Amino acid sequence: MSQQNPMPLVTIAIPSFNQGRFLGDALKSIFEQNLPVEVFVADAGSTDNTLTVIKQWESRLAGWRSHSDHGQAAAINECIIKGTAPYVAWLNSDDLYLPGGLQALIAALERHAEWPAAYGKAWNVDATLKPTSKVWIQSFSAKRLAMRCIISQPATIIRRAAWEAVGGLDESLHLALDYDLWWRLYRQFGMLGYIEKEIALNRDHDQTKTKTQRKRHHQESISVVRKHYGSTPAKWWLMWPVSVWLRSWMIAQKP
């Protein structure tokens, strides 16, 4: 390709459903990374303004579609398969990259050929992008990963070769799909790499699946830990049920 159209470095999948109010922010954050990217939007047949937003960005997208599908994991796998870049990622339509985030992750993977993926720091923000808390992220170890998901999905990039070797996302999962992927990458390739750099914003609002389906998320996560770690740390039985109940109660109290 010419210098005006360099080969893409990153294939980015954006699964979306009725997130039109956020989708433009997500796309803007990608194209402001100043990297050659190929972006595929897989919309599940939204009925809000999503198609209007997609049309506004269509000239910069590598592809998009809008129809019912088999869930988030299947949509992401579909997009990644269509791409050609050596690195892959997905960004949920309500999340954003911070300036320089993708460059930092790519640079880390180029320095560490042994890492199948790299991840950094992230912030939780509300619907208006006001920071609310830091995402709990730690440097990698299997023991830490067994205690909780220590990796923030939007702050992560993966080698395509590693993604393809483990078969992408498990399409039978609907909430702990990223948690399962980190385990499978680790078991086949070894530790994922952590860098001390703020990479992304995780938009935390009342319509997210992790808030509306807390019990199912907890059950899927326990299943993933048991499958890959061989046992379930006591914390999952003691602390998480309390957290699930408390957050569900807090949501129910809102007018």
Protein backbone atom coordinates (compact mmCIF):
# COMPACT_ATOMS: atom_id res chain seq x y z
CA MET A 1 0.00 0.00 0.00
CA SER A 2 1.03 3.62 -0.38
CA GLN A 3 2.10 5.77 2.53
CA GLN A 4 -1.36 7.34 2.50
CA ASN A 5 -2.90 3.90 3.10
CA PRO A 6 -0.49 1.95 5.29
CA MET A 7 -1.18 -1.64 6.25
CA PRO A 8 -3.29 -1.73 9.43
CA LEU A 9 -1.52 -2.53 12.67
CA VAL A 10 -4.64 -3.30 14.70
CA THR A 11 -7.98 -4.89 13.87
CA ILE A 12 -10.60 -3.49 16.22
CA ALA A 13 -14.04 -5.04 16.65
CA ILE A 14 -16.88 -2.97 18.05
CA PRO A 15 -19.92 -4.98 19.14
CA SER A 16 -22.95 -2.73 19.59
CA PHE A 17 -26.63 -2.78 20.40
CA ASN A 18 -28.67 0.35 21.09
CA GLN A 19 -25.58 2.28 22.21
CA GLY A 20 -25.84 5.07 19.66
CA ARG A 21 -25.41 7.75 22.31
CA PHE A 22 -21.96 6.36 23.11
CA LEU A 23 -20.77 4.84 19.82
CA GLY A 24 -19.46 8.09 18.32
CA ASP A 25 -17.18 8.64 21.32
CA ALA A 26 -15.77 5.13 20.98
CA LEU A 27 -15.04 5.56 17.27
CA LYS A 28 -13.52 9.00 17.77
CA SER A 29 -11.17 7.62 20.44
CA ILE A 30 -9.98 4.92 18.02
CA PHE A 31 -9.30 7.18 15.06
CA GLU A 32 -7.49 9.70 17.28
CA GLN A 33 -4.90 7.04 18.16
CA ASN A 34 -2.86 8.11 15.11
CA LEU A 35 -2.33 4.49 14.07
CA PRO A 36 -3.31 2.59 10.94
CA VAL A 37 -6.33 0.61 12.13
CA GLU A 38 -9.13 -1.38 10.55
CA VAL A 39 -12.40 -1.07 12.44
CA PHE A 40 -15.43 -3.32 12.07
CA VAL A 41 -18.74 -2.50 13.74
CA ALA A 42 -21.06 -5.44 14.42
CA ASP A 43 -24.42 -4.01 15.42
CA ALA A 44 -27.11 -6.41 16.57
CA GLY A 45 -30.00 -4.59 14.91
CA SER A 46 -30.26 -1.43 16.98
CA THR A 47 -33.45 0.63 16.96
CA ASP A 48 -31.94 3.86 18.32
CA ASN A 49 -29.67 6.29 16.44
CA THR A 50 -26.85 3.77 16.00
CA LEU A 51 -27.18 3.56 12.21
CA THR A 52 -27.01 7.35 11.95
CA VAL A 53 -23.73 7.33 13.89
CA ILE A 54 -22.33 4.48 11.77
CA LYS A 55 -23.17 6.38 8.59
CA GLN A 56 -21.28 9.41 9.92
CA TRP A 57 -18.14 7.29 10.31
CA GLU A 58 -18.71 4.86 7.45
CA SER A 59 -15.91 6.22 5.23
CA ARG A 60 -13.36 5.34 7.92
CA LEU A 61 -14.71 1.89 8.78
CA ALA A 62 -13.32 -1.31 7.27
CA GLY A 63 -16.83 -2.75 7.45
CA TRP A 64 -20.09 -2.82 9.37
CA ARG A 65 -23.41 -4.64 9.54
CA SER A 66 -26.65 -4.33 11.49
CA HIS A 67 -28.81 -7.38 12.12
CA SER A 68 -29.58 -9.82 14.91
CA ASP A 69 -26.71 -12.13 15.84
CA HIS A 70 -25.65 -14.80 18.31
CA GLY A 71 -24.29 -12.49 20.98
CA GLN A 72 -21.30 -10.36 21.82
CA ALA A 73 -18.62 -13.04 21.58
CA ALA A 74 -19.84 -14.22 18.17
CA ALA A 75 -19.97 -10.63 16.90
CA ILE A 76 -16.40 -9.94 18.03
CA ASN A 77 -15.09 -13.17 16.52
CA GLU A 78 -16.84 -12.31 13.26
CA CYS A 79 -15.11 -8.91 13.08
CA ILE A 80 -11.64 -10.18 13.97
CA ILE A 81 -11.82 -12.91 11.32
CA LYS A 82 -12.50 -10.26 8.69
CA GLY A 83 -9.34 -8.34 9.57
CA THR A 84 -5.71 -8.77 8.59
CA ALA A 85 -3.71 -6.75 11.13
CA PRO A 86 -1.07 -8.45 13.34
CA TYR A 87 -2.71 -7.16 16.54
CA VAL A 88 -6.37 -7.39 17.52
CA ALA A 89 -8.65 -5.83 20.10
CA TRP A 90 -12.27 -5.11 20.77
CA LEU A 91 -13.79 -2.00 22.22
CA ASN A 92 -17.33 -2.08 23.52
CA SER A 93 -19.38 0.74 22.06
CA ASP A 94 -19.65 2.53 25.42
CA ASP A 95 -15.90 2.46 26.21
CA LEU A 96 -13.05 4.66 24.96
CA TYR A 97 -9.30 4.61 24.39
CA LEU A 98 -7.14 7.28 25.96
CA PRO A 99 -4.65 9.16 23.73
CA GLY A 100 -1.56 7.06 23.02
CA GLY A 101 -3.04 3.93 24.58
CA LEU A 102 -2.80 1.60 21.61
CA GLN A 103 0.68 2.83 20.69
CA ALA A 104 1.91 2.01 24.19
CA LEU A 105 0.49 -1.51 24.07
CA ILE A 106 1.94 -2.23 20.63
CA ALA A 107 5.34 -0.93 21.69
CA ALA A 108 5.23 -3.23 24.73
CA LEU A 109 4.43 -6.28 22.60
CA GLU A 110 7.21 -5.41 20.18
CA ARG A 111 9.66 -5.27 23.11
CA HIS A 112 8.40 -8.55 24.59
CA ALA A 113 8.02 -11.24 21.94
CA GLU A 114 7.04 -13.75 24.63
CA TRP A 115 3.84 -11.90 25.61
CA PRO A 116 0.65 -13.10 23.86
CA ALA A 117 -1.13 -9.92 24.92
CA ALA A 118 -0.48 -6.70 26.79
CA TYR A 119 -2.70 -4.65 29.08
CA GLY A 120 -2.52 -1.44 31.06
CA LYS A 121 -4.52 0.72 33.44
CA ALA A 122 -8.08 1.92 33.05
CA TRP A 123 -10.56 4.21 34.75
CA ASN A 124 -14.23 3.68 35.46
CA VAL A 125 -16.26 6.68 34.31
CA ASP A 126 -19.97 7.48 34.42
CA ALA A 127 -22.21 8.07 31.42
CA THR A 128 -20.89 11.64 31.11
CA LEU A 129 -17.23 10.48 31.25
CA LYS A 130 -16.72 11.76 34.79
CA PRO A 131 -14.12 9.52 36.50
CA THR A 132 -15.58 7.49 39.36
CA SER A 133 -12.79 5.05 40.29
CA LYS A 134 -9.71 3.27 39.04
CA VAL A 135 -10.33 -0.20 37.64
CA TRP A 136 -8.71 -2.83 39.89
CA ILE A 137 -5.79 -3.97 37.74
CA GLN A 138 -2.64 -5.84 38.83
CA SER A 139 0.45 -7.26 37.20
CA PHE A 140 -0.12 -10.78 35.99
CA SER A 141 -0.03 -13.99 38.00
CA ALA A 142 -2.29 -17.03 37.84
CA LYS A 143 -3.02 -16.76 41.57
CA ARG A 144 -4.17 -13.16 41.21
CA LEU A 145 -6.23 -14.00 38.15
CA ALA A 146 -7.92 -16.79 40.09
CA MET A 147 -9.00 -14.33 42.78
CA ARG A 148 -10.58 -11.87 40.36
CA CYS A 149 -10.28 -10.58 36.81
CA ILE A 150 -7.21 -8.34 37.16
CA ILE A 151 -7.24 -7.31 33.48
CA SER A 152 -9.40 -4.54 32.05
CA GLN A 153 -10.65 -5.67 28.65
CA PRO A 154 -10.70 -2.24 26.89
CA ALA A 155 -7.12 -1.67 28.04
CA THR A 156 -5.85 -4.80 26.27
CA ILE A 157 -4.38 -5.74 22.88
CA ILE A 158 -3.65 -9.26 21.63
CA ARG A 159 -1.38 -10.76 19.00
CA ARG A 160 -3.49 -12.10 16.14
CA ALA A 161 -1.41 -15.29 16.09
CA ALA A 162 -2.25 -15.90 19.76
CA TRP A 163 -5.92 -15.05 19.24
CA GLU A 164 -6.20 -17.50 16.36
CA ALA A 165 -4.27 -20.21 18.21
CA VAL A 166 -6.79 -20.26 21.08
CA GLY A 167 -9.77 -19.90 18.75
CA GLY A 168 -10.88 -16.41 19.76
CA LEU A 169 -13.71 -15.95 22.23
CA ASP A 170 -15.87 -18.78 23.58
CA GLU A 171 -19.27 -18.01 22.05
CA SER A 172 -21.10 -19.97 24.74
CA LEU A 173 -20.17 -17.26 27.26
CA HIS A 174 -22.03 -13.97 27.53
CA LEU A 175 -20.45 -12.11 30.46
CA ALA A 176 -17.12 -13.71 31.45
CA LEU A 177 -15.93 -14.06 27.85
CA ASP A 178 -12.87 -11.86 28.38
CA TYR A 179 -11.96 -13.54 31.67
CA ASP A 180 -12.01 -16.92 29.94
CA LEU A 181 -9.84 -15.60 27.10
CA TRP A 182 -7.12 -14.35 29.48
CA TRP A 183 -6.96 -17.82 31.04
CA ARG A 184 -6.70 -19.59 27.70
CA LEU A 185 -3.97 -17.25 26.46
CA TYR A 186 -2.04 -17.78 29.68
CA ARG A 187 -2.37 -21.56 29.62
CA GLN A 188 -1.11 -21.78 26.03
CA PHE A 189 1.48 -19.00 25.91
CA GLY A 190 2.36 -17.92 29.42
CA MET A 191 1.99 -14.63 31.25
CA LEU A 192 0.22 -11.66 29.72
CA GLY A 193 2.25 -8.46 29.93
CA TYR A 194 1.29 -5.49 32.11
CA ILE A 195 2.42 -1.90 31.56
CA GLU A 196 2.10 1.12 33.86
CA LYS A 197 0.15 3.24 31.40
CA GLU A 198 -3.43 4.50 31.41
CA ILE A 199 -4.99 3.00 28.29
CA ALA A 200 -8.77 3.21 28.38
CA LEU A 201 -11.98 4.40 30.01
CA ASN A 202 -14.59 1.86 31.08
CA ARG A 203 -17.99 3.53 30.97
CA ASP A 204 -19.94 2.27 33.98
CA HIS A 205 -23.66 2.99 33.63
CA ASP A 206 -26.86 1.32 34.72
CA GLN A 207 -27.47 -0.47 31.41
CA THR A 208 -24.20 -2.43 31.29
CA LYS A 209 -24.52 -6.21 31.29
CA THR A 210 -22.30 -6.51 34.36
CA LYS A 211 -24.80 -4.40 36.33
CA THR A 212 -28.04 -5.80 34.95
CA GLN A 213 -26.90 -9.44 35.07
CA ARG A 214 -24.72 -9.58 38.18
CA LYS A 215 -25.80 -13.08 39.24
CA ARG A 216 -25.14 -14.59 35.81
CA HIS A 217 -21.78 -12.82 35.61
CA HIS A 218 -20.81 -14.27 38.97
CA GLN A 219 -21.86 -17.78 37.93
CA GLU A 220 -19.97 -17.64 34.63
CA SER A 221 -16.85 -16.32 36.35
CA ILE A 222 -16.86 -19.13 38.92
CA SER A 223 -17.24 -21.64 36.12
CA VAL A 224 -14.26 -20.11 34.27
CA VAL A 225 -12.04 -20.16 37.37
CA ARG A 226 -12.91 -23.78 38.16
CA LYS A 227 -12.24 -24.84 34.57
CA HIS A 228 -8.84 -23.18 34.20
CA TYR A 229 -7.48 -23.01 37.75
CA GLY A 230 -8.74 -26.38 38.93
CA SER A 231 -10.49 -25.01 42.01
CA THR A 232 -12.52 -22.02 43.13
CA PRO A 233 -10.87 -19.74 45.72
CA ALA A 234 -13.02 -19.19 48.80
CA LYS A 235 -13.29 -15.50 48.02
CA TRP A 236 -15.70 -16.28 45.19
CA TRP A 237 -18.10 -17.92 47.64
CA LEU A 238 -17.67 -15.40 50.47
CA MET A 239 -17.14 -11.92 49.05
CA TRP A 240 -18.68 -11.90 45.60
CA PRO A 241 -22.23 -12.95 46.59
CA VAL A 242 -22.28 -10.02 49.01
CA SER A 243 -21.07 -7.69 46.27
CA VAL A 244 -23.68 -8.99 43.83
CA TRP A 245 -26.47 -8.53 46.36
CA LEU A 246 -25.28 -5.08 47.45
CA ARG A 247 -24.96 -3.69 43.93
CA SER A 248 -28.32 -5.15 42.91
CA TRP A 249 -29.91 -3.55 45.99
CA MET A 250 -28.33 -0.17 45.22
CA ILE A 251 -29.62 -0.27 41.64
CA ALA A 252 -33.10 -1.15 42.89
CA GLN A 253 -33.13 1.91 45.18
CA LYS A 254 -32.61 4.35 42.33
CA PRO A 255 -35.75 6.19 41.19
